Amino acid sequence: MIKSNEQYVRLVMVRHAETEWNLAGKLQGWRDSRLTLAGRKALSSFIARNNIPRQYPADIVYSSDLGRALASARIICNKSGGYIVPDQRLRERRFGILEGKQKNVCINGFLHARHWFAYQGRYEKCLDACLAIATELQAESETAFERRVVDFLRALVRRHAGKTIYVVSHGEWIRCANNILHGRTSWAYGQGIPMNTEMNIFELKPPQLNLSE
């Protein structure tokens, strides 16, 4: 249990609810897609079934500024309290030319097999490890992605000691944050991509992984 006089933040990370592009197997990145009706219902049901408002009453709900995350954050706030603070640092990783495309499908030769091979192998080798592929993909670099995840986590421990903070974000962002919080390299597979509406809970403190710097 977190006490008010301790420098801990209870961090509740939630992946957004299912979207139309999730259903269609399209890569989203910084592009957006609306929540499905089933996704909205699943998130509401998950909150009610697990008695989230009583177990983890929210002080603040931070959300990615992308529509699918904000829509999910509104559902959470309606059930568990708190207020929404949009933050660009919580966006999904940008995947450049692959965004909006159906995964592993090559269209008119524009998307070549090597682009999808690089994407699928990103947990064995950084997506931007090959300069030629990285330039063609126009994707966010691993360094830039990791930097904004760490920057956000540092801000939390500085500002919100003793609070319960919800973070509504995306699959790759939560996977990366999980790795950082467990001392793994940011691009490792780690615990993998969480399912839609899946919740991860941490007690975060300043000394952890030098997050107070």
N, C-alpha and C. Protein backbone atom coordinates (compact mmCIF):
# COMPACT_ATOMS: atom_id res chain seq x y z
N MET A 1 0.85 -1.19 0.00
CA MET A 1 0.00 0.00 0.00
C MET A 1 0.88 1.24 0.00
N ILE A 2 0.55 2.22 -0.83
CA ILE A 2 1.33 3.44 -0.90
C ILE A 2 0.85 4.42 0.16
N LYS A 3 1.77 4.96 0.95
CA LYS A 3 1.44 5.95 1.96
C LYS A 3 1.73 7.35 1.41
N SER A 4 0.96 8.33 1.88
CA SER A 4 1.07 9.68 1.34
C SER A 4 2.43 10.31 1.58
N ASN A 5 3.15 9.88 2.61
CA ASN A 5 4.45 10.48 2.92
C ASN A 5 5.61 9.73 2.26
N GLU A 6 5.33 8.76 1.43
CA GLU A 6 6.36 8.03 0.72
C GLU A 6 6.45 8.55 -0.71
N GLN A 7 7.65 8.51 -1.28
CA GLN A 7 7.83 8.99 -2.64
C GLN A 7 7.56 7.87 -3.64
N TYR A 8 6.35 7.38 -3.62
CA TYR A 8 5.93 6.35 -4.55
C TYR A 8 4.79 6.89 -5.42
N VAL A 9 4.75 6.39 -6.61
CA VAL A 9 3.60 6.63 -7.48
C VAL A 9 3.03 5.27 -7.84
N ARG A 10 1.73 5.09 -7.61
CA ARG A 10 1.09 3.86 -8.11
C ARG A 10 0.74 4.14 -9.58
N LEU A 11 1.40 3.42 -10.45
CA LEU A 11 1.25 3.62 -11.88
C LEU A 11 0.38 2.51 -12.45
N VAL A 12 -0.76 2.89 -13.01
CA VAL A 12 -1.70 1.94 -13.60
C VAL A 12 -1.71 2.18 -15.11
N MET A 13 -1.04 1.31 -15.86
CA MET A 13 -0.96 1.46 -17.31
C MET A 13 -2.04 0.60 -17.98
N VAL A 14 -2.77 1.22 -18.88
CA VAL A 14 -3.88 0.53 -19.57
C VAL A 14 -3.73 0.74 -21.07
N ARG A 15 -3.76 -0.33 -21.83
CA ARG A 15 -3.79 -0.19 -23.28
C ARG A 15 -5.22 0.16 -23.71
N HIS A 16 -5.32 1.02 -24.70
CA HIS A 16 -6.63 1.45 -25.20
C HIS A 16 -7.49 0.25 -25.63
N ALA A 17 -8.79 0.50 -25.73
CA ALA A 17 -9.73 -0.54 -26.15
C ALA A 17 -9.55 -0.86 -27.64
N GLU A 18 -10.17 -1.94 -28.06
CA GLU A 18 -10.06 -2.39 -29.45
C GLU A 18 -10.55 -1.32 -30.42
N THR A 19 -9.82 -1.20 -31.54
CA THR A 19 -10.21 -0.24 -32.58
C THR A 19 -10.60 -0.98 -33.86
N GLU A 20 -11.12 -0.21 -34.81
CA GLU A 20 -11.49 -0.79 -36.10
C GLU A 20 -10.27 -1.33 -36.84
N TRP A 21 -9.14 -0.63 -36.71
CA TRP A 21 -7.92 -1.09 -37.38
C TRP A 21 -7.30 -2.28 -36.66
N ASN A 22 -7.45 -2.37 -35.34
CA ASN A 22 -7.03 -3.59 -34.64
C ASN A 22 -7.77 -4.79 -35.24
N LEU A 23 -9.05 -4.60 -35.45
CA LEU A 23 -9.90 -5.67 -35.98
C LEU A 23 -9.50 -6.04 -37.41
N ALA A 24 -9.10 -5.04 -38.18
CA ALA A 24 -8.73 -5.25 -39.58
C ALA A 24 -7.28 -5.68 -39.75
N GLY A 25 -6.51 -5.70 -38.66
CA GLY A 25 -5.11 -6.10 -38.75
C GLY A 25 -4.21 -5.04 -39.36
N LYS A 26 -4.58 -3.76 -39.21
CA LYS A 26 -3.78 -2.66 -39.76
C LYS A 26 -2.89 -2.06 -38.67
N LEU A 27 -1.70 -1.65 -39.08
CA LEU A 27 -0.76 -1.03 -38.17
C LEU A 27 -1.15 0.44 -37.98
N GLN A 28 -1.24 0.89 -36.73
CA GLN A 28 -1.77 2.23 -36.47
C GLN A 28 -0.68 3.27 -36.25
N GLY A 29 0.23 3.04 -35.31
CA GLY A 29 1.26 4.04 -35.05
C GLY A 29 0.64 5.38 -34.69
N TRP A 30 1.09 6.45 -35.38
CA TRP A 30 0.56 7.78 -35.09
C TRP A 30 -0.74 8.07 -35.84
N ARG A 31 -1.13 7.20 -36.75
CA ARG A 31 -2.44 7.34 -37.38
C ARG A 31 -3.48 6.77 -36.43
N ASP A 32 -4.76 7.03 -36.72
CA ASP A 32 -5.77 6.71 -35.72
C ASP A 32 -6.95 5.96 -36.30
N SER A 33 -7.71 5.36 -35.41
CA SER A 33 -8.87 4.57 -35.77
C SER A 33 -9.85 4.60 -34.60
N ARG A 34 -11.13 4.58 -34.90
CA ARG A 34 -12.13 4.66 -33.83
C ARG A 34 -12.24 3.35 -33.04
N LEU A 35 -12.65 3.49 -31.79
CA LEU A 35 -12.92 2.29 -30.99
C LEU A 35 -14.13 1.56 -31.56
N THR A 36 -14.08 0.24 -31.51
CA THR A 36 -15.26 -0.54 -31.88
C THR A 36 -16.26 -0.52 -30.72
N LEU A 37 -17.50 -0.80 -31.01
CA LEU A 37 -18.51 -0.89 -29.96
C LEU A 37 -18.15 -2.00 -28.98
N ALA A 38 -17.67 -3.12 -29.53
CA ALA A 38 -17.25 -4.24 -28.66
C ALA A 38 -16.10 -3.81 -27.76
N GLY A 39 -15.18 -3.01 -28.28
CA GLY A 39 -14.05 -2.53 -27.49
C GLY A 39 -14.49 -1.64 -26.34
N ARG A 40 -15.44 -0.75 -26.62
CA ARG A 40 -15.97 0.12 -25.56
C ARG A 40 -16.63 -0.70 -24.46
N LYS A 41 -17.44 -1.66 -24.87
CA LYS A 41 -18.15 -2.50 -23.90
C LYS A 41 -17.17 -3.34 -23.09
N ALA A 42 -16.12 -3.84 -23.75
CA ALA A 42 -15.13 -4.68 -23.05
C ALA A 42 -14.39 -3.88 -21.98
N LEU A 43 -14.06 -2.62 -22.28
CA LEU A 43 -13.36 -1.79 -21.31
C LEU A 43 -14.26 -1.47 -20.13
N SER A 44 -15.50 -1.10 -20.40
CA SER A 44 -16.45 -0.81 -19.31
C SER A 44 -16.69 -2.04 -18.45
N SER A 45 -16.82 -3.19 -19.10
CA SER A 45 -17.05 -4.44 -18.37
C SER A 45 -15.85 -4.81 -17.51
N PHE A 46 -14.64 -4.62 -18.05
CA PHE A 46 -13.42 -4.94 -17.31
C PHE A 46 -13.33 -4.10 -16.04
N ILE A 47 -13.62 -2.82 -16.15
CA ILE A 47 -13.56 -1.91 -15.00
C ILE A 47 -14.58 -2.32 -13.93
N ALA A 48 -15.80 -2.62 -14.38
CA ALA A 48 -16.85 -3.00 -13.43
C ALA A 48 -16.58 -4.35 -12.79
N ARG A 49 -16.15 -5.32 -13.59
CA ARG A 49 -15.93 -6.69 -13.11
C ARG A 49 -14.82 -6.76 -12.07
N ASN A 50 -13.79 -5.94 -12.26
CA ASN A 50 -12.65 -5.96 -11.34
C ASN A 50 -12.73 -4.87 -10.27
N ASN A 51 -13.88 -4.20 -10.20
CA ASN A 51 -14.10 -3.17 -9.18
C ASN A 51 -12.95 -2.15 -9.14
N ILE A 52 -12.54 -1.71 -10.33
CA ILE A 52 -11.39 -0.80 -10.46
C ILE A 52 -11.56 0.50 -9.68
N PRO A 53 -12.74 1.15 -9.70
CA PRO A 53 -12.87 2.42 -8.97
C PRO A 53 -12.54 2.31 -7.49
N ARG A 54 -12.91 1.19 -6.86
CA ARG A 54 -12.64 1.04 -5.43
C ARG A 54 -11.19 0.61 -5.18
N GLN A 55 -10.69 -0.30 -6.01
CA GLN A 55 -9.32 -0.78 -5.81
C GLN A 55 -8.27 0.28 -6.12
N TYR A 56 -8.48 1.02 -7.21
CA TYR A 56 -7.48 1.98 -7.66
C TYR A 56 -8.15 3.30 -8.05
N PRO A 57 -8.67 4.06 -7.06
CA PRO A 57 -9.29 5.35 -7.39
C PRO A 57 -8.24 6.28 -8.01
N ALA A 58 -8.56 6.83 -9.16
CA ALA A 58 -7.58 7.62 -9.91
C ALA A 58 -7.48 9.05 -9.40
N ASP A 59 -6.25 9.52 -9.22
CA ASP A 59 -6.02 10.94 -8.96
C ASP A 59 -5.96 11.71 -10.28
N ILE A 60 -5.19 11.18 -11.22
CA ILE A 60 -5.07 11.79 -12.55
C ILE A 60 -5.02 10.67 -13.58
N VAL A 61 -5.62 10.91 -14.73
CA VAL A 61 -5.55 9.97 -15.85
C VAL A 61 -4.79 10.65 -16.99
N TYR A 62 -3.55 10.23 -17.18
CA TYR A 62 -2.78 10.72 -18.33
C TYR A 62 -3.14 9.85 -19.54
N SER A 63 -3.22 10.49 -20.70
CA SER A 63 -3.57 9.76 -21.91
C SER A 63 -2.73 10.24 -23.08
N SER A 64 -2.40 9.30 -23.95
CA SER A 64 -1.89 9.67 -25.27
C SER A 64 -2.89 10.63 -25.91
N ASP A 65 -2.41 11.54 -26.74
CA ASP A 65 -3.33 12.50 -27.37
C ASP A 65 -3.99 11.93 -28.62
N LEU A 66 -3.71 10.67 -28.96
CA LEU A 66 -4.39 10.04 -30.09
C LEU A 66 -5.80 9.65 -29.70
N GLY A 67 -6.71 9.73 -30.65
CA GLY A 67 -8.14 9.59 -30.37
C GLY A 67 -8.53 8.30 -29.69
N ARG A 68 -7.93 7.19 -30.08
CA ARG A 68 -8.32 5.89 -29.51
C ARG A 68 -7.97 5.80 -28.03
N ALA A 69 -6.87 6.44 -27.64
CA ALA A 69 -6.49 6.45 -26.23
C ALA A 69 -7.37 7.42 -25.44
N LEU A 70 -7.62 8.60 -26.00
CA LEU A 70 -8.47 9.58 -25.31
C LEU A 70 -9.88 9.04 -25.09
N ALA A 71 -10.43 8.35 -26.10
CA ALA A 71 -11.77 7.77 -25.95
C ALA A 71 -11.78 6.72 -24.84
N SER A 72 -10.70 5.94 -24.74
CA SER A 72 -10.59 4.94 -23.67
C SER A 72 -10.44 5.61 -22.32
N ALA A 73 -9.66 6.69 -22.26
CA ALA A 73 -9.45 7.42 -21.01
C ALA A 73 -10.77 8.00 -20.48
N ARG A 74 -11.63 8.46 -21.38
CA ARG A 74 -12.93 9.01 -20.95
C ARG A 74 -13.78 7.92 -20.29
N ILE A 75 -13.74 6.72 -20.85
CA ILE A 75 -14.49 5.60 -20.25
C ILE A 75 -13.95 5.31 -18.85
N ILE A 76 -12.63 5.31 -18.71
CA ILE A 76 -12.01 5.04 -17.41
C ILE A 76 -12.37 6.12 -16.41
N CYS A 77 -12.29 7.39 -16.81
CA CYS A 77 -12.61 8.50 -15.91
C CYS A 77 -14.07 8.45 -15.45
N ASN A 78 -14.95 8.08 -16.35
CA ASN A 78 -16.36 7.99 -15.99
C ASN A 78 -16.61 6.95 -14.91
N LYS A 79 -15.72 5.93 -14.85
CA LYS A 79 -15.90 4.85 -13.89
C LYS A 79 -15.07 5.03 -12.62
N SER A 80 -13.85 5.58 -12.77
CA SER A 80 -12.92 5.57 -11.64
C SER A 80 -12.54 6.96 -11.14
N GLY A 81 -13.09 8.00 -11.72
CA GLY A 81 -12.77 9.34 -11.27
C GLY A 81 -11.51 9.86 -11.91
N GLY A 82 -10.97 10.96 -11.35
CA GLY A 82 -9.80 11.59 -11.93
C GLY A 82 -10.17 12.50 -13.08
N TYR A 83 -9.16 13.11 -13.66
CA TYR A 83 -9.38 13.96 -14.83
C TYR A 83 -8.29 13.66 -15.84
N ILE A 84 -8.57 13.96 -17.11
CA ILE A 84 -7.67 13.55 -18.19
C ILE A 84 -6.66 14.64 -18.51
N VAL A 85 -5.40 14.23 -18.63
CA VAL A 85 -4.33 15.12 -19.08
C VAL A 85 -3.70 14.48 -20.33
N PRO A 86 -3.98 15.03 -21.53
CA PRO A 86 -3.36 14.48 -22.74
C PRO A 86 -1.87 14.78 -22.77
N ASP A 87 -1.08 13.85 -23.30
CA ASP A 87 0.37 14.02 -23.35
C ASP A 87 0.92 13.32 -24.59
N GLN A 88 1.59 14.08 -25.45
CA GLN A 88 2.12 13.51 -26.69
C GLN A 88 3.18 12.45 -26.44
N ARG A 89 3.84 12.51 -25.29
CA ARG A 89 4.88 11.53 -24.99
C ARG A 89 4.32 10.11 -24.86
N LEU A 90 3.00 10.00 -24.69
CA LEU A 90 2.36 8.69 -24.54
C LEU A 90 1.88 8.11 -25.86
N ARG A 91 2.16 8.80 -26.96
CA ARG A 91 1.77 8.27 -28.27
C ARG A 91 2.44 6.93 -28.55
N GLU A 92 1.81 6.17 -29.42
CA GLU A 92 2.42 4.94 -29.92
C GLU A 92 3.70 5.29 -30.68
N ARG A 93 4.56 4.33 -30.87
CA ARG A 93 5.73 4.56 -31.71
C ARG A 93 5.29 4.83 -33.14
N ARG A 94 5.95 5.76 -33.79
CA ARG A 94 5.63 6.07 -35.19
C ARG A 94 6.31 5.05 -36.09
N PHE A 95 5.53 4.47 -37.01
CA PHE A 95 6.04 3.43 -37.90
C PHE A 95 6.09 3.87 -39.37
N GLY A 96 6.01 5.16 -39.62
CA GLY A 96 6.23 5.69 -40.96
C GLY A 96 5.34 5.11 -42.03
N ILE A 97 5.95 4.62 -43.11
CA ILE A 97 5.18 4.20 -44.28
C ILE A 97 4.35 2.95 -44.03
N LEU A 98 4.60 2.25 -42.94
CA LEU A 98 3.81 1.05 -42.64
C LEU A 98 2.46 1.39 -42.02
N GLU A 99 2.30 2.60 -41.53
CA GLU A 99 1.06 2.97 -40.83
C GLU A 99 -0.14 2.99 -41.80
N GLY A 100 -1.23 2.44 -41.31
CA GLY A 100 -2.45 2.38 -42.11
C GLY A 100 -2.48 1.21 -43.07
N LYS A 101 -1.39 0.43 -43.10
CA LYS A 101 -1.31 -0.71 -44.01
C LYS A 101 -1.63 -2.00 -43.25
N GLN A 102 -2.23 -2.95 -43.99
CA GLN A 102 -2.52 -4.24 -43.38
C GLN A 102 -1.21 -4.98 -43.17
N LYS A 103 -1.04 -5.53 -41.98
CA LYS A 103 0.25 -6.11 -41.60
C LYS A 103 0.69 -7.22 -42.56
N ASN A 104 1.95 -7.12 -42.97
CA ASN A 104 2.61 -8.12 -43.81
C ASN A 104 2.07 -8.20 -45.24
N VAL A 105 1.31 -7.20 -45.66
CA VAL A 105 0.78 -7.18 -47.02
C VAL A 105 1.57 -6.15 -47.84
N CYS A 106 2.09 -6.56 -48.99
CA CYS A 106 2.83 -5.66 -49.88
C CYS A 106 1.87 -5.15 -50.95
N ILE A 107 1.80 -3.83 -51.10
CA ILE A 107 0.82 -3.22 -52.00
C ILE A 107 1.52 -2.62 -53.21
N ASN A 108 1.25 -3.17 -54.41
CA ASN A 108 1.78 -2.63 -55.66
C ASN A 108 3.29 -2.41 -55.63
N GLY A 109 3.98 -3.23 -54.88
CA GLY A 109 5.43 -3.11 -54.82
C GLY A 109 5.93 -1.96 -53.96
N PHE A 110 5.02 -1.14 -53.44
CA PHE A 110 5.44 0.03 -52.64
C PHE A 110 6.05 -0.41 -51.32
N LEU A 111 5.37 -1.35 -50.67
CA LEU A 111 5.90 -1.90 -49.43
C LEU A 111 6.55 -3.24 -49.75
N HIS A 112 7.83 -3.31 -49.52
CA HIS A 112 8.57 -4.50 -49.86
C HIS A 112 8.68 -5.44 -48.66
N ALA A 113 8.94 -6.68 -48.93
CA ALA A 113 9.02 -7.68 -47.87
C ALA A 113 10.03 -7.28 -46.80
N ARG A 114 11.12 -6.60 -47.19
CA ARG A 114 12.16 -6.26 -46.21
C ARG A 114 11.66 -5.30 -45.14
N HIS A 115 10.67 -4.46 -45.49
CA HIS A 115 10.12 -3.53 -44.50
C HIS A 115 9.36 -4.30 -43.42
N TRP A 116 8.56 -5.26 -43.85
CA TRP A 116 7.80 -6.04 -42.87
C TRP A 116 8.71 -6.99 -42.11
N PHE A 117 9.76 -7.50 -42.75
CA PHE A 117 10.74 -8.34 -42.04
C PHE A 117 11.42 -7.54 -40.93
N ALA A 118 11.76 -6.29 -41.24
CA ALA A 118 12.39 -5.42 -40.23
C ALA A 118 11.43 -5.17 -39.08
N TYR A 119 10.16 -4.94 -39.42
CA TYR A 119 9.15 -4.69 -38.39
C TYR A 119 8.96 -5.93 -37.52
N GLN A 120 8.81 -7.08 -38.14
CA GLN A 120 8.56 -8.31 -37.38
C GLN A 120 9.79 -8.72 -36.55
N GLY A 121 10.98 -8.33 -36.98
CA GLY A 121 12.19 -8.71 -36.26
C GLY A 121 12.70 -7.63 -35.32
N ARG A 122 11.86 -6.67 -34.98
CA ARG A 122 12.31 -5.51 -34.18
C ARG A 122 12.69 -5.86 -32.75
N TYR A 123 12.32 -7.05 -32.26
CA TYR A 123 12.69 -7.45 -30.91
C TYR A 123 14.04 -8.19 -30.87
N GLU A 124 14.52 -8.63 -32.03
CA GLU A 124 15.83 -9.25 -32.12
C GLU A 124 16.90 -8.23 -32.52
N LYS A 125 16.47 -7.22 -33.27
CA LYS A 125 17.40 -6.21 -33.76
C LYS A 125 16.62 -4.90 -33.87
N CYS A 126 17.20 -3.81 -33.38
CA CYS A 126 16.51 -2.51 -33.43
C CYS A 126 15.96 -2.25 -34.83
N LEU A 127 14.77 -1.72 -34.89
CA LEU A 127 14.13 -1.43 -36.16
C LEU A 127 14.98 -0.49 -37.00
N ASP A 128 15.71 0.42 -36.33
CA ASP A 128 16.53 1.39 -37.04
C ASP A 128 18.01 1.01 -37.07
N ALA A 129 18.31 -0.28 -36.82
CA ALA A 129 19.71 -0.72 -36.82
C ALA A 129 20.31 -0.66 -38.22
N CYS A 130 19.51 -0.93 -39.21
CA CYS A 130 19.95 -0.84 -40.61
C CYS A 130 19.55 0.53 -41.14
N LEU A 131 20.55 1.37 -41.44
CA LEU A 131 20.28 2.76 -41.83
C LEU A 131 19.41 2.85 -43.07
N ALA A 132 19.67 1.98 -44.04
CA ALA A 132 18.89 2.04 -45.29
C ALA A 132 17.42 1.76 -45.03
N ILE A 133 17.15 0.71 -44.24
CA ILE A 133 15.77 0.35 -43.92
C ILE A 133 15.11 1.46 -43.10
N ALA A 134 15.83 1.99 -42.12
CA ALA A 134 15.28 3.05 -41.26
C ALA A 134 14.91 4.27 -42.08
N THR A 135 15.75 4.63 -43.04
CA THR A 135 15.47 5.80 -43.88
C THR A 135 14.24 5.56 -44.74
N GLU A 136 14.13 4.38 -45.29
CA GLU A 136 12.97 4.05 -46.13
C GLU A 136 11.68 4.00 -45.31
N LEU A 137 11.77 3.45 -44.09
CA LEU A 137 10.58 3.30 -43.25
C LEU A 137 10.07 4.64 -42.73
N GLN A 138 10.97 5.60 -42.50
CA GLN A 138 10.61 6.88 -41.90
C GLN A 138 9.97 6.67 -40.52
N ALA A 139 10.44 5.65 -39.82
CA ALA A 139 9.89 5.33 -38.51
C ALA A 139 10.66 6.08 -37.42
N GLU A 140 10.03 6.20 -36.26
CA GLU A 140 10.68 6.82 -35.11
C GLU A 140 11.84 5.95 -34.65
N SER A 141 12.97 6.57 -34.37
CA SER A 141 14.13 5.79 -33.93
C SER A 141 13.90 5.22 -32.54
N GLU A 142 14.60 4.14 -32.25
CA GLU A 142 14.49 3.52 -30.93
C GLU A 142 14.94 4.50 -29.84
N THR A 143 15.99 5.26 -30.12
CA THR A 143 16.51 6.22 -29.14
C THR A 143 15.48 7.29 -28.81
N ALA A 144 14.84 7.83 -29.85
CA ALA A 144 13.83 8.88 -29.64
C ALA A 144 12.62 8.32 -28.90
N PHE A 145 12.22 7.11 -29.25
CA PHE A 145 11.08 6.47 -28.60
C PHE A 145 11.37 6.23 -27.12
N GLU A 146 12.53 5.62 -26.84
CA GLU A 146 12.90 5.35 -25.46
C GLU A 146 13.01 6.64 -24.65
N ARG A 147 13.56 7.68 -25.26
CA ARG A 147 13.77 8.94 -24.54
C ARG A 147 12.44 9.53 -24.07
N ARG A 148 11.42 9.49 -24.92
CA ARG A 148 10.15 10.10 -24.48
C ARG A 148 9.42 9.24 -23.44
N VAL A 149 9.61 7.91 -23.49
CA VAL A 149 9.03 7.05 -22.46
C VAL A 149 9.69 7.34 -21.11
N VAL A 150 11.01 7.38 -21.09
CA VAL A 150 11.74 7.65 -19.85
C VAL A 150 11.43 9.06 -19.34
N ASP A 151 11.37 10.03 -20.24
CA ASP A 151 11.07 11.41 -19.84
C ASP A 151 9.73 11.50 -19.14
N PHE A 152 8.75 10.77 -19.65
CA PHE A 152 7.42 10.78 -19.01
C PHE A 152 7.47 10.13 -17.63
N LEU A 153 8.14 8.99 -17.51
CA LEU A 153 8.22 8.30 -16.23
C LEU A 153 8.94 9.16 -15.18
N ARG A 154 9.99 9.84 -15.59
CA ARG A 154 10.70 10.74 -14.67
C ARG A 154 9.78 11.85 -14.17
N ALA A 155 8.98 12.40 -15.09
CA ALA A 155 8.06 13.47 -14.70
C ALA A 155 7.05 12.98 -13.67
N LEU A 156 6.59 11.73 -13.82
CA LEU A 156 5.62 11.18 -12.86
C LEU A 156 6.18 11.13 -11.44
N VAL A 157 7.40 10.61 -11.29
CA VAL A 157 7.94 10.45 -9.94
C VAL A 157 8.30 11.80 -9.32
N ARG A 158 8.55 12.80 -10.15
CA ARG A 158 8.84 14.14 -9.61
C ARG A 158 7.58 14.84 -9.13
N ARG A 159 6.47 14.62 -9.83
CA ARG A 159 5.27 15.45 -9.60
C ARG A 159 4.20 14.79 -8.74
N HIS A 160 4.17 13.46 -8.68
CA HIS A 160 2.96 12.81 -8.16
C HIS A 160 3.23 11.80 -7.05
N ALA A 161 4.14 12.12 -6.14
CA ALA A 161 4.42 11.22 -5.01
C ALA A 161 3.15 10.95 -4.22
N GLY A 162 2.90 9.67 -3.90
CA GLY A 162 1.75 9.29 -3.10
C GLY A 162 0.44 9.23 -3.86
N LYS A 163 0.49 9.39 -5.17
CA LYS A 163 -0.74 9.43 -5.97
C LYS A 163 -0.92 8.14 -6.78
N THR A 164 -2.16 7.91 -7.20
CA THR A 164 -2.46 6.83 -8.14
C THR A 164 -2.69 7.45 -9.51
N ILE A 165 -1.82 7.12 -10.44
CA ILE A 165 -1.84 7.73 -11.76
C ILE A 165 -2.14 6.67 -12.82
N TYR A 166 -3.17 6.92 -13.60
CA TYR A 166 -3.48 6.06 -14.74
C TYR A 166 -2.76 6.60 -15.97
N VAL A 167 -2.25 5.69 -16.78
CA VAL A 167 -1.64 6.04 -18.05
C VAL A 167 -2.33 5.21 -19.12
N VAL A 168 -3.05 5.88 -20.00
CA VAL A 168 -3.76 5.19 -21.08
C VAL A 168 -2.93 5.38 -22.36
N SER A 169 -2.37 4.30 -22.84
CA SER A 169 -1.44 4.42 -23.96
C SER A 169 -1.64 3.27 -24.93
N HIS A 170 -0.54 2.84 -25.55
CA HIS A 170 -0.58 1.92 -26.68
C HIS A 170 0.33 0.72 -26.44
N GLY A 171 0.17 -0.31 -27.28
CA GLY A 171 0.87 -1.56 -27.06
C GLY A 171 2.38 -1.44 -27.01
N GLU A 172 2.99 -0.79 -28.01
CA GLU A 172 4.44 -0.67 -28.04
C GLU A 172 4.94 0.23 -26.90
N TRP A 173 4.20 1.26 -26.58
CA TRP A 173 4.62 2.18 -25.50
C TRP A 173 4.66 1.41 -24.17
N ILE A 174 3.62 0.65 -23.89
CA ILE A 174 3.56 -0.08 -22.62
C ILE A 174 4.61 -1.19 -22.59
N ARG A 175 4.84 -1.87 -23.72
CA ARG A 175 5.90 -2.89 -23.77
C ARG A 175 7.25 -2.25 -23.45
N CYS A 176 7.54 -1.10 -24.06
CA CYS A 176 8.80 -0.40 -23.83
C CYS A 176 8.92 0.04 -22.37
N ALA A 177 7.86 0.62 -21.81
CA ALA A 177 7.87 1.06 -20.42
C ALA A 177 8.08 -0.12 -19.47
N ASN A 178 7.41 -1.23 -19.74
CA ASN A 178 7.61 -2.44 -18.93
C ASN A 178 9.08 -2.87 -18.93
N ASN A 179 9.70 -2.83 -20.10
CA ASN A 179 11.12 -3.22 -20.18
C ASN A 179 11.99 -2.28 -19.36
N ILE A 180 11.77 -0.99 -19.48
CA ILE A 180 12.56 0.00 -18.75
C ILE A 180 12.39 -0.19 -17.25
N LEU A 181 11.17 -0.39 -16.81
CA LEU A 181 10.89 -0.54 -15.38
C LEU A 181 11.46 -1.84 -14.80
N HIS A 182 11.68 -2.83 -15.67
CA HIS A 182 12.25 -4.10 -15.23
C HIS A 182 13.74 -4.21 -15.55
N GLY A 183 14.35 -3.13 -16.01
CA GLY A 183 15.78 -3.13 -16.27
C GLY A 183 16.20 -3.84 -17.53
N ARG A 184 15.26 -4.04 -18.47
CA ARG A 184 15.60 -4.69 -19.74
C ARG A 184 15.86 -3.62 -20.81
N THR A 185 16.52 -4.03 -21.89
CA THR A 185 16.69 -3.13 -23.01
C THR A 185 15.32 -2.75 -23.58
N SER A 186 15.17 -1.52 -24.00
CA SER A 186 13.83 -1.01 -24.36
C SER A 186 13.21 -1.76 -25.53
N TRP A 187 14.04 -2.26 -26.46
CA TRP A 187 13.46 -2.88 -27.66
C TRP A 187 13.29 -4.40 -27.55
N ALA A 188 13.59 -4.97 -26.38
CA ALA A 188 13.38 -6.41 -26.19
C ALA A 188 11.89 -6.76 -26.22
N TYR A 189 11.61 -8.02 -26.49
CA TYR A 189 10.21 -8.47 -26.49
C TYR A 189 9.62 -8.34 -25.09
N GLY A 190 10.40 -8.73 -24.06
CA GLY A 190 9.94 -8.60 -22.67
C GLY A 190 8.64 -9.35 -22.43
N GLN A 191 7.65 -8.62 -21.91
CA GLN A 191 6.33 -9.21 -21.66
C GLN A 191 5.43 -9.13 -22.89
N GLY A 192 5.97 -8.59 -23.97
CA GLY A 192 5.20 -8.52 -25.21
C GLY A 192 4.19 -7.39 -25.21
N ILE A 193 3.42 -7.34 -26.29
CA ILE A 193 2.39 -6.32 -26.43
C ILE A 193 1.17 -6.71 -25.60
N PRO A 194 0.71 -5.85 -24.70
CA PRO A 194 -0.48 -6.20 -23.91
C PRO A 194 -1.73 -6.26 -24.79
N MET A 195 -2.69 -7.01 -24.36
CA MET A 195 -3.98 -7.06 -25.06
C MET A 195 -4.71 -5.73 -24.87
N ASN A 196 -5.65 -5.45 -25.76
CA ASN A 196 -6.50 -4.27 -25.57
C ASN A 196 -7.18 -4.32 -24.20
N THR A 197 -7.17 -3.20 -23.49
CA THR A 197 -7.75 -2.99 -22.15
C THR A 197 -6.92 -3.64 -21.04
N GLU A 198 -5.83 -4.36 -21.38
CA GLU A 198 -5.01 -5.00 -20.34
C GLU A 198 -4.39 -3.94 -19.42
N MET A 199 -4.28 -4.27 -18.15
CA MET A 199 -3.79 -3.34 -17.13
C MET A 199 -2.50 -3.86 -16.52
N ASN A 200 -1.51 -2.96 -16.38
CA ASN A 200 -0.25 -3.26 -15.69
C ASN A 200 -0.07 -2.28 -14.56
N ILE A 201 0.28 -2.76 -13.36
CA ILE A 201 0.36 -1.89 -12.17
C ILE A 201 1.77 -1.97 -11.57
N PHE A 202 2.34 -0.79 -11.28
CA PHE A 202 3.66 -0.70 -10.67
C PHE A 202 3.62 0.28 -9.50
N GLU A 203 4.51 0.05 -8.54
CA GLU A 203 4.79 1.07 -7.53
C GLU A 203 6.13 1.68 -7.91
N LEU A 204 6.08 2.90 -8.37
CA LEU A 204 7.22 3.56 -8.97
C LEU A 204 7.82 4.55 -8.00
N LYS A 205 9.15 4.49 -7.81
CA LYS A 205 9.82 5.40 -6.88
C LYS A 205 11.03 6.05 -7.56
N PRO A 206 11.45 7.22 -7.07
CA PRO A 206 12.53 7.95 -7.73
C PRO A 206 13.82 7.18 -7.96
N PRO A 207 14.32 6.39 -6.99
CA PRO A 207 15.60 5.72 -7.23
C PRO A 207 15.53 4.63 -8.32
N GLN A 208 14.33 4.22 -8.67
CA GLN A 208 14.19 3.11 -9.61
C GLN A 208 14.76 3.48 -10.98
N LEU A 209 15.79 2.77 -11.39
CA LEU A 209 16.40 2.96 -12.70
C LEU A 209 16.81 4.40 -12.96
N ASN A 210 17.17 5.12 -11.88
CA ASN A 210 17.64 6.50 -12.02
C ASN A 210 16.58 7.42 -12.61
N LEU A 211 15.32 7.12 -12.39
CA LEU A 211 14.25 7.90 -13.01
C LEU A 211 14.13 9.31 -12.45
N SER A 212 14.81 9.60 -11.36
CA SER A 212 14.71 10.92 -10.76
C SER A 212 15.66 11.93 -11.39
N GLU A 213 16.55 11.48 -12.27
CA GLU A 213 17.53 12.39 -12.84
C GLU A 213 16.88 13.42 -13.74
